[in-house]
């Protein structure tokens, strides 16, 4: 019986390898996205357009994008998963066109899935040695972590807090805080920027850029005054 089970498992593995060899690696990725990823994300409310999945929550749009590497060949496909959160309210406030289906690079918060999962590997690879079942399971587990991360963002305040902590040097966010007269977050962002960048050569230029934005919006205060404010 044990021998029979072992032989069955070996046969399944062989069938899996043969299936991958019959398809190009690009076709294998397309099949995984269509047959595994699409229904998995659909269960969480995501719709699909090309290689990008979208989910809306109020004025927030959550984005998960599958990106092929530019150096792919027929016998090997490397791909990445890019994640983002977009707010139509931020764009409306700073007088930009609101996007219904933003690209990942148009999101206000952008991150590779490897940064969410704390993985040492930045992407995924499909070749003749790939076990597609194992890859599917890995992708689903990584996406589960991402969905939990996204689920923690329920409001514009959650998003702006995340943006300050992840990428404080965001001038769009700075403009948004000015236009909404959010003095608390203006101060919070400036102090975070100082914490991260004050030891860098760029610090003087960054301060000048921030002061320019403050002047542009007729704010009677400078970065130095914000930093010394108690």
Protein backbone atom coordinates (compact mmCIF):
# COMPACT_ATOMS: atom_id res chain seq x y z
CA UNK A 1 0.00 0.00 0.00
CA UNK A 2 2.83 2.36 0.90
CA UNK A 3 4.54 1.50 -2.39
CA UNK A 4 1.29 2.17 -4.28
CA UNK A 5 0.89 5.59 -2.63
CA UNK A 6 4.50 6.47 -3.39
CA UNK A 7 4.12 5.46 -7.03
CA UNK A 8 0.90 7.49 -7.27
CA UNK A 9 2.63 10.61 -5.94
CA UNK A 10 5.54 10.14 -8.35
CA UNK A 11 3.11 9.78 -11.24
CA UNK A 12 1.31 12.97 -10.24
CA UNK A 13 4.63 14.84 -10.08
CA UNK A 14 5.61 13.49 -13.49
CA UNK A 15 2.25 14.48 -14.98
CA UNK A 16 2.68 17.98 -13.53
CA UNK A 17 6.14 18.38 -15.07
CA UNK A 18 4.89 17.08 -18.43
CA UNK A 19 1.99 19.57 -18.32
CA UNK A 20 4.37 22.48 -17.71
CA UNK A 21 6.68 21.30 -20.50
CA UNK A 22 3.74 21.24 -22.95
CA UNK A 23 3.01 24.89 -22.20
CA UNK A 24 5.40 27.78 -22.55
CA UNK A 25 6.25 29.34 -19.19
CA UNK A 26 4.23 32.42 -20.17
CA UNK A 27 1.21 30.22 -20.91
CA UNK A 28 1.69 28.49 -17.56
CA UNK A 29 1.58 31.85 -15.78
CA UNK A 30 -1.55 32.85 -17.70
CA UNK A 31 -3.18 29.56 -16.73
CA UNK A 32 -2.28 30.01 -13.04
CA UNK A 33 -3.72 33.53 -13.03
CA UNK A 34 -6.92 32.46 -14.81
CA UNK A 35 -7.58 29.20 -12.96
CA UNK A 36 -6.20 29.89 -9.48
CA UNK A 37 -5.58 33.58 -8.78
CA UNK A 38 -8.71 35.01 -10.40
CA UNK A 39 -11.21 32.85 -8.44
CA UNK A 40 -9.17 33.24 -5.26
CA UNK A 41 -9.24 37.05 -5.44
CA UNK A 42 -12.82 37.09 -6.71
CA UNK A 43 -13.87 35.50 -3.42
CA UNK A 44 -12.48 38.61 -1.71
CA UNK A 45 -14.32 41.01 -4.01
CA UNK A 46 -11.68 41.69 -6.65
CA UNK A 47 -12.43 42.14 -10.32
CA UNK A 48 -9.87 41.53 -13.07
CA UNK A 49 -8.71 43.58 -16.04
CA UNK A 50 -5.78 42.13 -17.99
CA UNK A 51 -3.10 41.34 -15.37
CA UNK A 52 -4.51 43.69 -12.73
CA UNK A 53 -7.08 43.04 -10.01
CA UNK A 54 -9.20 45.80 -8.42
CA UNK A 55 -11.34 46.13 -5.32
CA UNK A 56 -13.18 49.30 -4.28
CA UNK A 57 -14.02 50.43 -0.77
CA UNK A 58 -15.61 53.87 -0.73
CA UNK A 59 -13.10 56.23 -2.33
CA UNK A 60 -10.28 53.69 -1.94
CA UNK A 61 -9.20 51.30 -4.68
CA UNK A 62 -6.99 48.32 -3.86
CA UNK A 63 -4.78 47.13 -6.70
CA UNK A 64 -2.87 43.88 -7.25
CA UNK A 65 -0.86 43.70 -10.47
CA UNK A 66 1.09 40.82 -12.01
CA UNK A 67 4.11 42.15 -13.93
CA UNK A 68 6.26 40.10 -16.29
CA UNK A 69 9.99 40.64 -16.22
CA UNK A 70 11.38 42.23 -19.39
CA UNK A 71 14.07 39.56 -19.73
CA UNK A 72 11.76 36.57 -20.04
CA UNK A 73 12.28 33.72 -22.53
CA UNK A 74 10.01 30.90 -23.72
CA UNK A 75 11.64 28.45 -21.29
CA UNK A 76 11.62 30.75 -18.26
CA UNK A 77 9.24 33.42 -17.00
CA UNK A 78 9.98 35.64 -14.06
CA UNK A 79 7.21 37.82 -12.68
CA UNK A 80 6.46 40.20 -9.83
CA UNK A 81 3.35 41.16 -7.91
CA UNK A 82 2.89 44.89 -7.37
CA UNK A 83 0.37 46.16 -4.84
CA UNK A 84 -1.14 49.59 -4.40
CA UNK A 85 -3.88 51.65 -2.78
CA UNK A 86 -5.41 54.62 -4.57
CA UNK A 87 -7.64 57.35 -3.15
CA UNK A 88 -9.89 59.34 -5.46
CA UNK A 89 -10.42 61.78 -2.57
CA UNK A 90 -6.72 62.69 -2.50
CA UNK A 91 -6.63 63.34 -6.25
CA UNK A 92 -9.86 65.34 -6.12
CA UNK A 93 -8.50 67.45 -3.27
CA UNK A 94 -5.26 68.30 -5.07
CA UNK A 95 -7.21 68.99 -8.30
CA UNK A 96 -6.13 65.93 -10.26
CA UNK A 97 -8.34 63.78 -12.45
CA UNK A 98 -9.95 60.98 -10.45
CA UNK A 99 -9.18 57.52 -11.80
CA UNK A 100 -11.72 54.70 -11.93
CA UNK A 101 -9.17 51.96 -12.63
CA UNK A 102 -5.76 53.29 -11.56
CA UNK A 103 -2.61 51.53 -12.65
CA UNK A 104 -0.40 50.28 -9.85
CA UNK A 105 2.10 53.07 -10.54
CA UNK A 106 -0.71 55.65 -10.21
CA UNK A 107 -1.56 54.53 -6.67
CA UNK A 108 -0.75 56.72 -3.67
CA UNK A 109 0.68 53.76 -1.79
CA UNK A 110 2.82 51.35 -3.80
CA UNK A 111 4.72 48.28 -2.67
CA UNK A 112 6.00 44.96 -3.97
CA UNK A 113 4.34 41.95 -2.40
CA UNK A 114 7.76 40.77 -1.19
CA UNK A 115 7.91 43.83 1.08
CA UNK A 116 4.52 42.96 2.57
CA UNK A 117 5.44 39.31 3.13
CA UNK A 118 9.04 40.14 4.18
CA UNK A 119 10.30 37.72 1.58
CA UNK A 120 13.96 37.72 0.56
CA UNK A 121 12.88 36.88 -2.98
CA UNK A 122 11.60 39.84 -4.98
CA UNK A 123 9.70 37.80 -7.56
CA UNK A 124 8.66 34.37 -8.80
CA UNK A 125 10.09 32.10 -11.50
CA UNK A 126 8.47 29.52 -13.76
CA UNK A 127 10.70 27.08 -15.66
CA UNK A 128 10.82 23.38 -16.54
CA UNK A 129 11.54 22.47 -12.91
CA UNK A 130 8.57 24.35 -11.48
CA UNK A 131 5.96 22.45 -9.53
CA UNK A 132 2.88 24.48 -10.43
CA UNK A 133 0.84 23.20 -7.48
CA UNK A 134 3.53 24.37 -5.08
CA UNK A 135 3.78 27.71 -6.87
CA UNK A 136 0.00 28.17 -6.73
CA UNK A 137 0.03 27.49 -3.00
CA UNK A 138 2.89 29.97 -2.47
CA UNK A 139 1.05 32.65 -4.43
CA UNK A 140 -2.16 32.09 -2.47
CA UNK A 141 -0.33 32.28 0.85
CA UNK A 142 1.46 35.50 -0.15
CA UNK A 143 -1.81 37.00 -1.36
CA UNK A 144 -3.55 36.06 1.90
CA UNK A 145 -0.94 38.13 3.78
CA UNK A 146 -1.48 40.99 1.33
CA UNK A 147 -5.26 40.88 1.71
CA UNK A 148 -4.91 41.06 5.49
CA UNK A 149 -2.62 44.06 5.04
CA UNK A 150 -5.16 45.73 2.74
CA UNK A 151 -8.03 44.88 5.08
CA UNK A 152 -6.38 47.01 7.79
CA UNK A 153 -6.87 50.10 5.58
CA UNK A 154 -10.50 51.12 5.90
CA UNK A 155 -10.36 54.92 5.56
CA UNK A 156 -8.39 57.81 4.10
CA UNK A 157 -6.85 58.34 7.55
CA UNK A 158 -5.60 54.75 7.61
CA UNK A 159 -4.10 55.28 4.16
CA UNK A 160 -2.35 58.57 4.96
CA UNK A 161 -0.92 57.09 8.17
CA UNK A 162 0.43 54.19 6.12
CA UNK A 163 1.90 56.55 3.54
CA UNK A 164 3.72 58.58 6.20
CA UNK A 165 5.17 55.48 7.80
CA UNK A 166 6.13 53.78 4.52
CA UNK A 167 7.13 56.63 2.21
CA UNK A 168 7.11 59.88 4.11
CA UNK A 169 8.77 61.82 1.28
CA UNK A 170 5.59 62.17 -0.73
CA UNK A 171 4.93 65.71 -1.90
CA UNK A 172 1.43 64.84 -3.12
CA UNK A 173 0.55 63.79 0.41
CA UNK A 174 2.09 67.00 1.76
CA UNK A 175 -0.08 69.07 -0.59
CA UNK A 176 -3.14 67.10 0.48
CA UNK A 177 -2.51 67.86 4.15
CA UNK A 178 -2.06 71.56 3.36
CA UNK A 179 -5.24 71.74 1.30
CA UNK A 180 -7.23 69.99 4.03
CA UNK A 181 -5.68 72.23 6.72
CA UNK A 182 -4.45 69.14 8.52
CA UNK A 183 -1.81 70.82 10.68
CA UNK A 184 -1.28 67.75 12.84
CA UNK A 185 -0.33 65.57 9.89
CA UNK A 186 1.73 68.33 8.25
CA UNK A 187 3.85 68.36 11.38
CA UNK A 188 3.87 64.56 11.62
CA UNK A 189 5.01 64.16 8.02
CA UNK A 190 7.71 66.84 8.21
CA UNK A 191 9.15 65.34 11.39
CA UNK A 192 9.13 61.87 9.83
CA UNK A 193 10.92 63.24 6.76
CA UNK A 194 13.54 64.84 9.00
CA UNK A 195 13.98 61.59 10.90
CA UNK A 196 14.61 59.65 7.69
CA UNK A 197 16.47 62.21 5.57
CA UNK A 198 18.24 64.74 7.80
CA UNK A 199 21.56 62.89 7.67
CA UNK A 200 21.50 62.71 3.86
CA UNK A 201 23.10 65.17 1.44
CA UNK A 202 19.66 65.73 -0.09
CA UNK A 203 18.21 67.11 3.14
CA UNK A 204 18.75 70.79 2.25
CA UNK A 205 17.13 70.32 -1.14
CA UNK A 206 14.21 68.42 0.42
CA UNK A 207 13.62 71.25 2.90
CA UNK A 208 13.70 73.76 0.05
CA UNK A 209 11.11 71.73 -1.87
CA UNK A 210 8.84 71.54 1.16
CA UNK A 211 9.20 75.27 1.80
CA UNK A 212 8.38 75.96 -1.84
CA UNK A 213 5.13 74.01 -1.50
CA UNK A 214 4.28 75.83 1.73
CA UNK A 215 4.83 79.17 -0.02
CA UNK A 216 2.83 78.04 -3.06
CA UNK A 217 -0.18 77.49 -0.82
CA UNK A 218 0.33 80.70 1.15
CA UNK A 219 1.33 78.96 4.38
CA UNK A 220 2.93 81.40 6.81
CA UNK A 221 5.36 78.87 8.24
CA UNK A 222 8.63 77.17 7.25
CA UNK A 223 9.96 73.66 7.70
CA UNK A 224 12.38 74.81 10.40
CA UNK A 225 9.53 76.45 12.29
CA UNK A 226 7.48 73.28 12.05
CA UNK A 227 10.39 71.21 13.38
CA UNK A 228 10.96 73.50 16.36
CA UNK A 229 7.29 73.74 17.14
CA UNK A 230 6.32 72.21 20.50
